[in-house]
């Protein structure tokens, strides 16, 4: 991707925080003498008095469910005009608009009292590292005494607090209605600082419209979601939309990444405030020196415009040091004192399903990780391989998700073969595809180089049986997930629990003492 492509894209002047269109809708509703009591875009959950937003989605067209919403008692329907004619038999106030999805976020922000106005919002985008960064940001702010929260793949996390978020959906970035309602709940709960994962899907579908993003963080860009975006360039430009928000105070960008380098340069030419970070380049605003990595964690000196300091962390892996720099940049651009920010970074821990260790009390090194792209697998497995003791092996259990980017499957297989001594390919979330077909594409016709075990539980058991005390096992792809998606049904399955179950079976006499020599 060229820098000129980003430049052309930025000429669009889009703004995700604009709520003028929402104000226009609010005025028109007032003219209709409609006073909605709620918002809905799913007819199954529509309530009396709701505004029902009807528009084409990825799997269904909400406009075909207008009758159901009317039966549920909605007060008005806002529908996507393109390719649709209103049914005159529906005797109900209604308005047709172009790009209802964009309008929906803007109006939802107004309906819920513009909840991010006065809230500090950090958005994190990139192929890998989003979940880790937003959870670390929330944890760091909490350690620094600020009421914080994060929204993303792991759901809603509010360190030290609990609220009802049953309305939150399970996507990386919730849809616009759920997102604005969540912001409202967080504001009422006293939360003043929120970090949110921002997926490329969310940006192209305008889910953040109406959100006042103050700091935008870019982690990296690698092969993923090309089934949705079509090309790598369009995928990158989707990520770039986060940096067009007119409420943005700072952009924090990883220039170890080629796209990040071009993005930072383009933003600087537009006179935006950009803070770059890097684990390798000394010209980055935030960079490291004297980096030391081991199974016990990381130690490095961080150099920034705010000062320099040594940081010691229990978290290992250079890619995690990069994530720490992203979080540090987010904290510093949020006005946090430099020394206090560095202390908070040193106190962070691995997030759930991100190099999460199983089997410490059995003196076994088994890690659960969400890595499900070629780049993520390479980063995680190369890190684990570098930590091997003599005669140790990396044994990897992995698969590829169904109904998703098929081009990356063979690349995932190659990455696992490159950094593993034993590669066990199994079922991930097959969805509506056959596991056998997915595995055939992962192996690229070279099944003899892999151990194939369709049943994921059996694959995990097999990895543990094959491992000796010097080996490291990585169970990749699902991380925190507690299910397998098979033909639309979510079947309970937890990589961590399955590994723990088999380790316990192999070590029935364990006294539970942890091996303190390992992380």
Protein backbone atom coordinates (compact mmCIF):
# COMPACT_ATOMS: atom_id res chain seq x y z
CA UNK A 1 0.00 0.00 0.00
CA UNK A 2 1.32 3.47 -0.89
CA UNK A 3 1.30 6.62 1.18
CA UNK A 4 -0.53 8.33 -1.70
CA UNK A 5 -3.47 5.94 -1.23
CA UNK A 6 -3.79 7.09 2.37
CA UNK A 7 -3.45 10.73 1.27
CA UNK A 8 -6.29 10.32 -1.25
CA UNK A 9 -8.43 8.63 1.35
CA UNK A 10 -7.90 11.47 3.83
CA UNK A 11 -9.21 13.92 1.24
CA UNK A 12 -12.69 12.56 1.99
CA UNK A 13 -12.80 14.55 5.23
CA UNK A 14 -15.06 12.04 6.97
CA UNK A 15 -15.82 12.56 10.64
CA UNK A 16 -17.13 9.84 12.91
CA UNK A 17 -18.02 12.21 15.73
CA UNK A 18 -20.34 14.41 13.67
CA UNK A 19 -23.84 14.44 15.17
CA UNK A 20 -25.40 17.05 12.86
CA UNK A 21 -27.34 14.39 10.95
CA UNK A 22 -28.57 13.05 14.27
CA UNK A 23 -29.81 16.54 15.13
CA UNK A 24 -31.65 16.69 11.80
CA UNK A 25 -33.44 13.42 12.59
CA UNK A 26 -34.24 14.64 16.08
CA UNK A 27 -35.86 17.76 14.59
CA UNK A 28 -37.91 15.73 12.11
CA UNK A 29 -39.14 13.41 14.86
CA UNK A 30 -40.21 16.46 16.83
CA UNK A 31 -42.19 17.68 13.82
CA UNK A 32 -43.94 14.29 13.69
CA UNK A 33 -44.73 14.68 17.40
CA UNK A 34 -42.99 11.35 18.08
CA UNK A 35 -41.33 10.88 21.48
CA UNK A 36 -39.46 7.55 21.31
CA UNK A 37 -38.79 5.63 24.51
CA UNK A 38 -36.06 3.38 23.13
CA UNK A 39 -34.00 2.38 20.10
CA UNK A 40 -33.89 -0.93 18.27
CA UNK A 41 -32.45 -2.48 15.13
CA UNK A 42 -33.55 -6.06 15.89
CA UNK A 43 -37.27 -6.81 15.59
CA UNK A 44 -36.96 -9.71 18.04
CA UNK A 45 -36.12 -7.30 20.85
CA UNK A 46 -38.14 -4.27 19.79
CA UNK A 47 -40.32 -2.79 22.54
CA UNK A 48 -43.33 -0.51 22.58
CA UNK A 49 -42.35 3.07 21.82
CA UNK A 50 -39.02 2.20 20.18
CA UNK A 51 -37.63 3.72 17.04
CA UNK A 52 -36.92 0.80 14.73
CA UNK A 53 -33.94 1.25 12.39
CA UNK A 54 -34.35 -0.96 9.31
CA UNK A 55 -31.43 -1.45 6.92
CA UNK A 56 -29.58 -4.24 5.08
CA UNK A 57 -27.14 -6.19 7.25
CA UNK A 58 -24.48 -8.79 6.56
CA UNK A 59 -26.84 -11.75 6.95
CA UNK A 60 -30.35 -10.30 6.84
CA UNK A 61 -32.18 -7.21 5.64
CA UNK A 62 -33.86 -5.53 8.61
CA UNK A 63 -36.41 -3.96 6.29
CA UNK A 64 -38.00 -7.36 5.77
CA UNK A 65 -38.78 -7.40 9.50
CA UNK A 66 -40.59 -4.07 9.67
CA UNK A 67 -43.96 -5.81 10.14
CA UNK A 68 -42.63 -7.66 13.19
CA UNK A 69 -41.33 -4.43 14.71
CA UNK A 70 -44.70 -2.77 14.16
CA UNK A 71 -46.44 -5.70 15.85
CA UNK A 72 -44.10 -5.21 18.83
CA UNK A 73 -45.31 -1.60 19.12
CA UNK A 74 -42.52 0.51 17.68
CA UNK A 75 -43.47 4.19 17.39
CA UNK A 76 -41.61 5.03 14.18
CA UNK A 77 -39.51 3.29 11.54
CA UNK A 78 -36.34 4.79 10.07
CA UNK A 79 -35.53 2.82 6.95
CA UNK A 80 -32.77 2.63 4.34
CA UNK A 81 -34.08 4.24 1.16
CA UNK A 82 -31.75 2.55 -1.33
CA UNK A 83 -33.54 -0.31 -3.09
CA UNK A 84 -36.70 -0.13 -0.97
CA UNK A 85 -40.23 1.26 -1.22
CA UNK A 86 -42.32 1.83 1.90
CA UNK A 87 -45.36 -0.44 2.19
CA UNK A 88 -48.37 1.90 2.21
CA UNK A 89 -50.27 -0.63 4.33
CA UNK A 90 -47.97 0.17 7.25
CA UNK A 91 -49.88 3.01 8.89
CA UNK A 92 -47.05 4.30 11.03
CA UNK A 93 -44.79 7.37 11.09
CA UNK A 94 -41.69 6.57 9.04
CA UNK A 95 -38.80 8.23 7.27
CA UNK A 96 -36.47 6.92 4.59
CA UNK A 97 -32.83 7.97 4.57
CA UNK A 98 -29.64 7.10 2.76
CA UNK A 99 -26.96 5.43 4.91
CA UNK A 100 -29.15 4.71 7.93
CA UNK A 101 -26.23 2.96 9.66
CA UNK A 102 -24.26 6.21 9.85
CA UNK A 103 -27.32 8.15 10.98
CA UNK A 104 -28.16 5.56 13.64
CA UNK A 105 -24.95 6.07 15.60
CA UNK A 106 -25.27 9.83 15.52
CA UNK A 107 -28.88 9.76 16.69
CA UNK A 108 -28.16 7.15 19.37
CA UNK A 109 -25.50 9.44 20.82
CA UNK A 110 -28.07 12.24 21.09
CA UNK A 111 -30.77 9.94 22.44
CA UNK A 112 -28.51 8.76 25.27
CA UNK A 113 -27.34 12.26 26.12
CA UNK A 114 -24.11 12.40 24.09
CA UNK A 115 -22.38 10.20 26.72
CA UNK A 116 -18.84 10.50 25.35
CA UNK A 117 -18.96 14.29 25.60
CA UNK A 118 -16.85 14.78 28.72
CA UNK A 119 -15.61 11.18 28.71
CA UNK A 120 -12.03 10.37 27.67
CA UNK A 121 -12.15 7.78 24.86
CA UNK A 122 -9.18 5.89 23.42
CA UNK A 123 -9.77 3.82 20.28
CA UNK A 124 -7.34 1.03 19.36
CA UNK A 125 -7.26 -0.40 15.85
CA UNK A 126 -4.95 -2.84 14.06
CA UNK A 127 -4.89 -6.51 13.08
CA UNK A 128 -3.27 -7.81 16.26
CA UNK A 129 -2.90 -6.48 19.79
CA UNK A 130 -6.19 -4.59 20.13
CA UNK A 131 -7.59 -6.72 22.95
CA UNK A 132 -4.38 -6.67 24.94
CA UNK A 133 -3.99 -2.90 24.56
CA UNK A 134 -7.52 -1.91 25.57
CA UNK A 135 -7.49 -4.19 28.60
CA UNK A 136 -4.08 -2.93 29.65
CA UNK A 137 -5.23 0.67 29.22
CA UNK A 138 -8.23 0.07 31.48
CA UNK A 139 -6.07 -1.71 34.04
CA UNK A 140 -3.40 1.00 33.95
CA UNK A 141 -5.91 3.81 34.42
CA UNK A 142 -7.43 1.88 37.32
CA UNK A 143 -4.00 1.44 38.92
CA UNK A 144 -3.55 5.19 38.54
CA UNK A 145 -6.76 5.88 40.42
CA UNK A 146 -9.06 6.69 37.51
CA UNK A 147 -12.45 5.03 37.00
CA UNK A 148 -11.93 3.21 33.73
CA UNK A 149 -13.40 0.57 31.44
CA UNK A 150 -12.68 -1.17 28.17
CA UNK A 151 -14.91 -2.58 25.45
CA UNK A 152 -13.81 -5.28 23.03
CA UNK A 153 -13.39 -8.95 22.23
CA UNK A 154 -13.40 -9.93 25.92
CA UNK A 155 -16.63 -7.97 26.46
CA UNK A 156 -16.90 -5.08 28.88
CA UNK A 157 -14.27 -4.89 31.58
CA UNK A 158 -14.57 -2.40 34.42
CA UNK A 159 -11.72 -2.90 36.89
CA UNK A 160 -13.18 -2.92 40.39
CA UNK A 161 -16.83 -2.53 39.29
CA UNK A 162 -19.77 -4.46 37.89
CA UNK A 163 -22.79 -3.17 35.97
CA UNK A 164 -25.52 -4.81 33.91
CA UNK A 165 -24.34 -4.97 30.32
CA UNK A 166 -26.65 -7.72 29.09
CA UNK A 167 -27.48 -5.55 26.08
CA UNK A 168 -23.86 -5.60 24.86
CA UNK A 169 -23.31 -7.74 21.78
CA UNK A 170 -20.38 -10.11 21.39
CA UNK A 171 -18.57 -8.50 18.47
CA UNK A 172 -15.17 -6.87 18.82
CA UNK A 173 -16.91 -3.50 18.52
CA UNK A 174 -20.64 -3.45 19.45
CA UNK A 175 -23.15 -1.97 17.03
CA UNK A 176 -23.93 1.73 17.34
CA UNK A 177 -27.04 1.37 19.51
CA UNK A 178 -25.45 -1.02 22.01
CA UNK A 179 -22.26 1.03 22.05
CA UNK A 180 -23.93 4.35 22.87
CA UNK A 181 -26.11 2.72 25.52
CA UNK A 182 -23.00 1.17 27.05
CA UNK A 183 -21.31 4.57 27.11
CA UNK A 184 -24.40 5.94 28.88
CA UNK A 185 -24.27 3.14 31.49
CA UNK A 186 -20.56 3.74 32.03
CA UNK A 187 -21.08 7.46 32.51
CA UNK A 188 -23.82 6.81 35.07
CA UNK A 189 -21.50 4.31 36.79
CA UNK A 190 -18.87 7.01 37.25
CA UNK A 191 -16.47 5.82 34.55
CA UNK A 192 -14.59 8.72 32.99
CA UNK A 193 -12.08 6.92 30.77
CA UNK A 194 -12.88 4.20 28.21
CA UNK A 195 -10.65 2.29 25.81
CA UNK A 196 -12.35 0.49 22.95
CA UNK A 197 -11.28 -2.02 20.32
CA UNK A 198 -12.11 -0.62 16.89
CA UNK A 199 -12.38 -3.27 14.19
CA UNK A 200 -12.23 -2.56 10.47
CA UNK A 201 -15.80 -3.88 10.19
CA UNK A 202 -16.94 -1.38 12.82
CA UNK A 203 -15.39 1.52 10.95
CA UNK A 204 -16.83 0.60 7.54
CA UNK A 205 -20.23 0.01 9.17
CA UNK A 206 -20.15 3.36 11.02
CA UNK A 207 -20.59 1.77 14.45
CA UNK A 208 -18.52 4.52 16.11
CA UNK A 209 -20.46 7.40 14.60
CA UNK A 210 -21.47 9.76 17.37
CA UNK A 211 -18.51 8.72 19.54
CA UNK A 212 -16.02 11.41 20.51
CA UNK A 213 -12.68 9.61 20.20
CA UNK A 214 -9.84 11.56 21.84
CA UNK A 215 -6.83 9.29 21.28
CA UNK A 216 -6.48 6.82 18.39
CA UNK A 217 -3.89 4.03 18.55
CA UNK A 218 -2.68 1.92 15.60
CA UNK A 219 -0.91 -1.36 16.42
CA UNK A 220 -0.15 -3.11 13.10
CA UNK A 221 -1.61 -4.35 9.83
CA UNK A 222 -1.31 -7.87 8.43
CA UNK A 223 -3.36 -10.34 6.39
CA UNK A 224 -6.90 -10.74 7.75
CA UNK A 225 -10.54 -10.09 6.80
CA UNK A 226 -9.82 -9.90 3.07
CA UNK A 227 -13.01 -11.90 2.53
CA UNK A 228 -14.85 -8.79 3.74
CA UNK A 229 -12.69 -5.91 2.46
CA UNK A 230 -11.56 -7.48 -0.81
CA UNK A 231 -8.01 -6.12 -0.92
CA UNK A 232 -5.25 -5.41 1.57
CA UNK A 233 -5.33 -1.73 0.59
CA UNK A 234 -9.04 -1.40 1.37
CA UNK A 235 -8.48 -3.23 4.65
CA UNK A 236 -5.80 -0.72 5.63
CA UNK A 237 -7.90 2.26 4.58
CA UNK A 238 -10.76 0.95 6.70
CA UNK A 239 -8.43 1.07 9.72
CA UNK A 240 -7.36 4.59 8.76
CA UNK A 241 -10.92 5.89 9.22
CA UNK A 242 -10.34 6.00 12.98
CA UNK A 243 -7.83 8.82 12.45
CA UNK A 244 -10.39 11.04 10.68
CA UNK A 245 -12.43 11.76 13.80
CA UNK A 246 -12.51 15.53 14.29
CA UNK A 247 -12.45 15.11 18.09
CA UNK A 248 -9.01 13.49 17.96
CA UNK A 249 -6.28 15.06 20.11
CA UNK A 250 -3.51 12.53 19.43
CA UNK A 251 -2.70 9.64 17.11
CA UNK A 252 -0.35 6.99 18.56
CA UNK A 253 1.15 4.89 15.76
CA UNK A 254 3.48 1.90 15.48
CA UNK A 255 6.14 2.70 12.86
CA UNK A 256 7.66 -0.78 13.00
CA UNK A 257 4.71 -1.45 10.68
CA UNK A 258 4.93 -0.24 7.05
CA UNK A 259 1.34 0.94 6.95
CA UNK A 260 1.85 2.66 10.29
CA UNK A 261 4.85 4.54 8.87
CA UNK A 262 2.79 5.82 5.93
CA UNK A 263 -0.18 6.61 8.18
CA UNK A 264 1.96 8.65 10.57
CA UNK A 265 3.54 10.60 7.70
CA UNK A 266 0.15 11.38 6.16
CA UNK A 267 -1.28 12.58 9.46
CA UNK A 268 1.74 14.78 10.13
CA UNK A 269 1.30 16.41 6.73
CA UNK A 270 -2.23 17.26 7.83
CA UNK A 271 -0.76 18.90 10.95
CA UNK A 272 -2.22 16.25 13.26
CA UNK A 273 -0.52 15.54 16.58
CA UNK A 274 1.20 12.19 16.12
CA UNK A 275 3.22 10.16 18.62
CA UNK A 276 5.11 7.27 17.04
CA UNK A 277 6.45 4.20 18.83
CA UNK A 278 8.84 1.41 17.93
CA UNK A 279 10.83 -1.41 19.46
CA UNK A 280 13.47 -1.12 16.73
CA UNK A 281 13.64 2.46 15.41
CA UNK A 282 15.39 5.12 17.47
CA UNK A 283 13.68 7.92 15.53
CA UNK A 284 10.30 7.00 17.02
CA UNK A 285 8.96 9.35 19.69
CA UNK A 286 8.66 6.38 22.05
CA UNK A 287 11.33 3.72 21.63
CA UNK A 288 13.34 1.25 23.68
CA UNK A 289 16.98 0.54 24.39
CA UNK A 290 18.68 -2.31 26.22
CA UNK A 291 15.80 -4.69 25.58
CA UNK A 292 16.20 -8.00 27.41
CA UNK A 293 13.66 -10.82 26.98
CA UNK A 294 13.38 -14.09 28.88
CA UNK A 295 10.82 -16.60 30.13
CA UNK A 296 10.65 -14.49 33.27
CA UNK A 297 9.51 -11.37 31.42
CA UNK A 298 10.92 -8.23 29.83
CA UNK A 299 13.30 -5.47 30.86
CA UNK A 300 14.00 -2.37 28.82
CA UNK A 301 14.66 1.35 28.98
CA UNK A 302 11.95 3.46 27.39
CA UNK A 303 12.87 6.78 25.78
CA UNK A 304 10.12 9.37 25.19
CA UNK A 305 9.64 13.15 24.83
CA UNK A 306 8.38 13.03 28.44
CA UNK A 307 11.52 11.36 29.82
CA UNK A 308 13.36 8.04 30.04
CA UNK A 309 13.03 5.17 32.51
CA UNK A 310 13.77 1.46 32.94
CA UNK A 311 10.71 -0.77 32.96
CA UNK A 312 10.61 -4.34 34.29
CA UNK A 313 7.62 -6.52 33.43
CA UNK A 314 6.52 -10.10 34.03
CA UNK A 315 5.17 -10.10 30.46
CA UNK A 316 7.44 -11.67 27.84
CA UNK A 317 7.72 -11.35 24.07
CA UNK A 318 8.89 -8.46 21.90
CA UNK A 319 5.41 -8.10 20.40
CA UNK A 320 4.11 -7.53 23.92
CA UNK A 321 6.78 -4.89 24.50
CA UNK A 322 5.35 -3.20 21.40
CA UNK A 323 1.88 -3.40 22.97
CA UNK A 324 3.28 -1.88 26.17
CA UNK A 325 4.67 1.05 24.17
CA UNK A 326 1.26 1.57 22.56
CA UNK A 327 -0.37 1.65 25.99
CA UNK A 328 2.31 3.97 27.35
CA UNK A 329 1.70 6.30 24.42
CA UNK A 330 -2.03 6.25 25.13
CA UNK A 331 -1.47 7.07 28.79
CA UNK A 332 0.96 9.90 28.08
CA UNK A 333 -1.35 11.41 25.45
CA UNK A 334 -4.10 11.27 28.08
CA UNK A 335 -2.13 13.51 30.42
CA UNK A 336 -0.79 10.83 32.78
CA UNK A 337 2.47 11.65 34.56
CA UNK A 338 5.40 9.90 32.86
CA UNK A 339 6.87 8.16 35.90
CA UNK A 340 3.45 7.02 37.11
CA UNK A 341 2.61 5.72 33.64
CA UNK A 342 5.84 3.69 33.55
CA UNK A 343 5.11 2.21 36.98
CA UNK A 344 1.63 1.17 35.79
CA UNK A 345 3.11 -0.50 32.69
CA UNK A 346 5.42 -2.55 34.90
CA UNK A 347 2.45 -3.83 36.92
CA UNK A 348 0.43 -5.16 33.96
CA UNK A 349 -0.34 -8.87 33.50
CA UNK A 350 -1.28 -11.07 30.52
CA UNK A 351 -4.91 -10.73 29.43
CA UNK A 352 -7.22 -13.75 29.36
CA UNK A 353 -6.45 -16.01 26.41
CA UNK A 354 -3.32 -14.07 25.49
CA UNK A 355 -0.27 -16.24 26.26
CA UNK A 356 -2.27 -17.44 29.26
CA UNK A 357 -0.42 -20.22 31.02
CA UNK A 358 -1.98 -23.52 32.04
CA UNK A 359 -0.24 -26.11 34.16
CA UNK A 360 2.10 -24.11 36.38
CA UNK A 361 1.38 -26.38 39.33
CA UNK A 362 2.26 -29.41 37.19
CA UNK A 363 5.53 -27.84 36.02
CA UNK A 364 4.27 -27.88 32.41
CA UNK A 365 4.48 -25.01 29.96
CA UNK A 366 1.17 -24.87 28.13
CA UNK A 367 -0.09 -21.56 26.74
CA UNK A 368 -3.51 -20.55 25.45
CA UNK A 369 -3.45 -17.80 22.84
CA UNK A 370 -5.98 -16.13 20.55
CA UNK A 371 -3.53 -15.94 17.61
CA UNK A 372 -5.57 -16.65 14.48
CA UNK A 373 -3.77 -14.78 11.71
CA UNK A 374 -0.48 -15.68 10.00
CA UNK A 375 1.31 -12.71 11.58
CA UNK A 376 -0.04 -13.35 15.07
CA UNK A 377 0.93 -17.03 14.92
CA UNK A 378 4.43 -16.10 13.75
CA UNK A 379 4.86 -13.59 16.58
CA UNK A 380 3.58 -15.87 19.33
CA UNK A 381 5.32 -19.04 18.18
CA UNK A 382 8.65 -17.36 17.42
CA UNK A 383 8.54 -15.86 20.91
CA UNK A 384 7.88 -19.25 22.51
CA UNK A 385 10.53 -20.91 20.36
CA UNK A 386 13.12 -18.36 21.51
CA UNK A 387 12.40 -19.33 25.12
CA UNK A 388 13.04 -23.06 24.68
CA UNK A 389 15.56 -24.77 26.90
CA UNK A 390 17.94 -27.39 25.51
CA UNK A 391 16.25 -30.21 23.61
CA UNK A 392 12.90 -28.44 23.92
CA UNK A 393 10.25 -28.38 21.21
CA UNK A 394 7.30 -26.15 20.34
CA UNK A 395 4.11 -28.18 19.88
CA UNK A 396 1.25 -26.20 18.38
CA UNK A 397 -2.46 -27.01 18.26
CA UNK A 398 -4.36 -24.78 15.85
CA UNK A 399 -7.07 -24.53 13.21
CA UNK A 400 -8.75 -21.92 11.03
CA UNK A 401 -12.23 -20.45 11.35
CA UNK A 402 -14.90 -21.29 8.82
CA UNK A 403 -16.74 -18.73 6.66
CA UNK A 404 -13.84 -16.31 7.00
CA UNK A 405 -10.85 -15.23 4.91
CA UNK A 406 -9.80 -18.44 3.12
CA UNK A 407 -6.61 -17.03 1.62
CA UNK A 408 -4.94 -16.78 5.02
CA UNK A 409 -5.41 -20.48 5.86
CA UNK A 410 -2.40 -21.84 4.01
CA UNK A 411 -0.34 -18.91 5.35
CA UNK A 412 -1.34 -19.89 8.88
CA UNK A 413 -0.20 -23.44 8.21
CA UNK A 414 3.16 -22.23 6.92
CA UNK A 415 3.66 -19.97 9.94
CA UNK A 416 3.00 -22.85 12.33
CA UNK A 417 5.36 -25.17 10.46
CA UNK A 418 8.11 -22.54 10.49
CA UNK A 419 8.09 -22.03 14.25
CA UNK A 420 6.89 -25.41 15.55
CA UNK A 421 8.53 -28.78 15.85
CA UNK A 422 5.15 -30.52 15.89
CA UNK A 423 2.06 -28.98 14.25
CA UNK A 424 -1.32 -30.45 15.15
CA UNK A 425 -4.09 -29.06 12.95
CA UNK A 426 -7.63 -29.40 14.25
CA UNK A 427 -11.09 -27.83 14.23
CA UNK A 428 -11.50 -24.18 15.27
CA UNK A 429 -14.92 -22.57 14.69
CA UNK A 430 -16.01 -24.32 11.48
CA UNK A 431 -19.33 -22.46 11.34
CA UNK A 432 -21.06 -23.69 8.17
CA UNK A 433 -17.97 -25.20 6.52
CA UNK A 434 -16.78 -28.78 6.84
CA UNK A 435 -13.71 -29.08 9.12
CA UNK A 436 -12.06 -31.50 6.69
CA UNK A 437 -12.19 -28.92 3.88
CA UNK A 438 -10.76 -26.19 6.11
CA UNK A 439 -7.90 -28.44 7.23
CA UNK A 440 -7.15 -29.37 3.62
CA UNK A 441 -6.72 -25.66 2.83
CA UNK A 442 -4.61 -25.04 5.95
CA UNK A 443 -2.19 -27.84 5.06
CA UNK A 444 -2.01 -26.74 1.43
CA UNK A 445 -2.02 -30.35 0.31
CA UNK A 446 0.95 -31.21 2.55
CA UNK A 447 -0.88 -33.14 5.25
CA UNK A 448 2.16 -35.33 5.89
CA UNK A 449 3.88 -32.36 7.56
CA UNK A 450 1.05 -32.03 10.09
CA UNK A 451 -0.65 -34.24 12.61
CA UNK A 452 -4.36 -34.04 11.79
CA UNK A 453 -6.89 -34.49 14.60
CA UNK A 454 -10.41 -33.29 13.81
CA UNK A 455 -11.63 -33.34 17.40
CA UNK A 456 -10.15 -30.33 19.21
CA UNK A 457 -10.29 -31.99 22.63
CA UNK A 458 -8.37 -34.99 21.31
CA UNK A 459 -5.86 -32.67 19.63
CA UNK A 460 -5.15 -30.92 22.94
CA UNK A 461 -4.81 -34.25 24.74
CA UNK A 462 -2.44 -35.49 22.04
CA UNK A 463 -0.21 -32.42 22.34
CA UNK A 464 0.08 -32.86 26.10
CA UNK A 465 0.83 -36.57 25.72
CA UNK A 466 3.60 -35.87 23.19
CA UNK A 467 5.26 -33.16 25.26
CA UNK A 468 8.20 -33.69 27.58
CA UNK A 469 9.27 -31.42 30.42
CA UNK A 470 11.38 -29.20 28.14
CA UNK A 471 8.65 -28.65 25.56
CA UNK A 472 6.29 -25.70 25.18
CA UNK A 473 2.73 -26.25 23.98
CA UNK A 474 0.72 -23.48 22.33
CA UNK A 475 -3.02 -23.99 21.89
CA UNK A 476 -3.84 -21.26 19.40
CA UNK A 477 -6.84 -19.65 17.77
CA UNK A 478 -9.60 -19.43 20.34
CA UNK A 479 -8.02 -17.88 23.41
CA UNK A 480 -10.72 -16.64 25.77
CA UNK A 481 -13.62 -18.18 23.83
CA UNK A 482 -15.81 -20.63 25.72
CA UNK A 483 -17.48 -22.26 22.72
CA UNK A 484 -17.07 -23.73 19.25
CA UNK A 485 -19.30 -22.31 16.52
CA UNK A 486 -20.68 -25.28 14.56
CA UNK A 487 -23.49 -24.76 12.02
CA UNK A 488 -24.82 -21.75 13.89
CA UNK A 489 -24.76 -23.47 17.29
CA UNK A 490 -22.34 -22.44 20.02
CA UNK A 491 -21.18 -25.66 21.62
CA UNK A 492 -19.48 -25.16 25.02
CA UNK A 493 -15.72 -25.58 24.70
CA UNK A 494 -12.89 -23.97 26.64
CA UNK A 495 -9.26 -24.58 25.61
CA UNK A 496 -8.00 -23.63 29.07
CA UNK A 497 -10.43 -25.95 30.88
CA UNK A 498 -9.73 -28.87 28.53
CA UNK A 499 -5.96 -28.53 28.95
CA UNK A 500 -6.31 -28.18 32.72
CA UNK A 501 -8.55 -31.26 32.84
CA UNK A 502 -6.02 -33.46 31.04
CA UNK A 503 -3.02 -32.14 32.97
CA UNK A 504 -4.85 -32.92 36.20
CA UNK A 505 -5.56 -36.43 34.94
CA UNK A 506 -1.87 -36.97 34.15
CA UNK A 507 -0.74 -35.57 37.51
CA UNK A 508 -3.28 -36.84 40.08
CA UNK A 509 -0.77 -36.62 42.92
CA UNK A 510 0.27 -33.01 42.29
CA UNK A 511 0.58 -31.06 45.53
CA UNK A 512 -0.37 -27.87 43.75
CA UNK A 513 2.97 -26.16 44.33
CA UNK A 514 3.75 -23.78 41.50
CA UNK A 515 7.04 -23.81 39.67
CA UNK A 516 8.24 -20.29 40.40
CA UNK A 517 11.08 -20.51 37.90
CA UNK A 518 8.69 -19.93 35.01
CA UNK A 519 6.15 -17.28 34.16
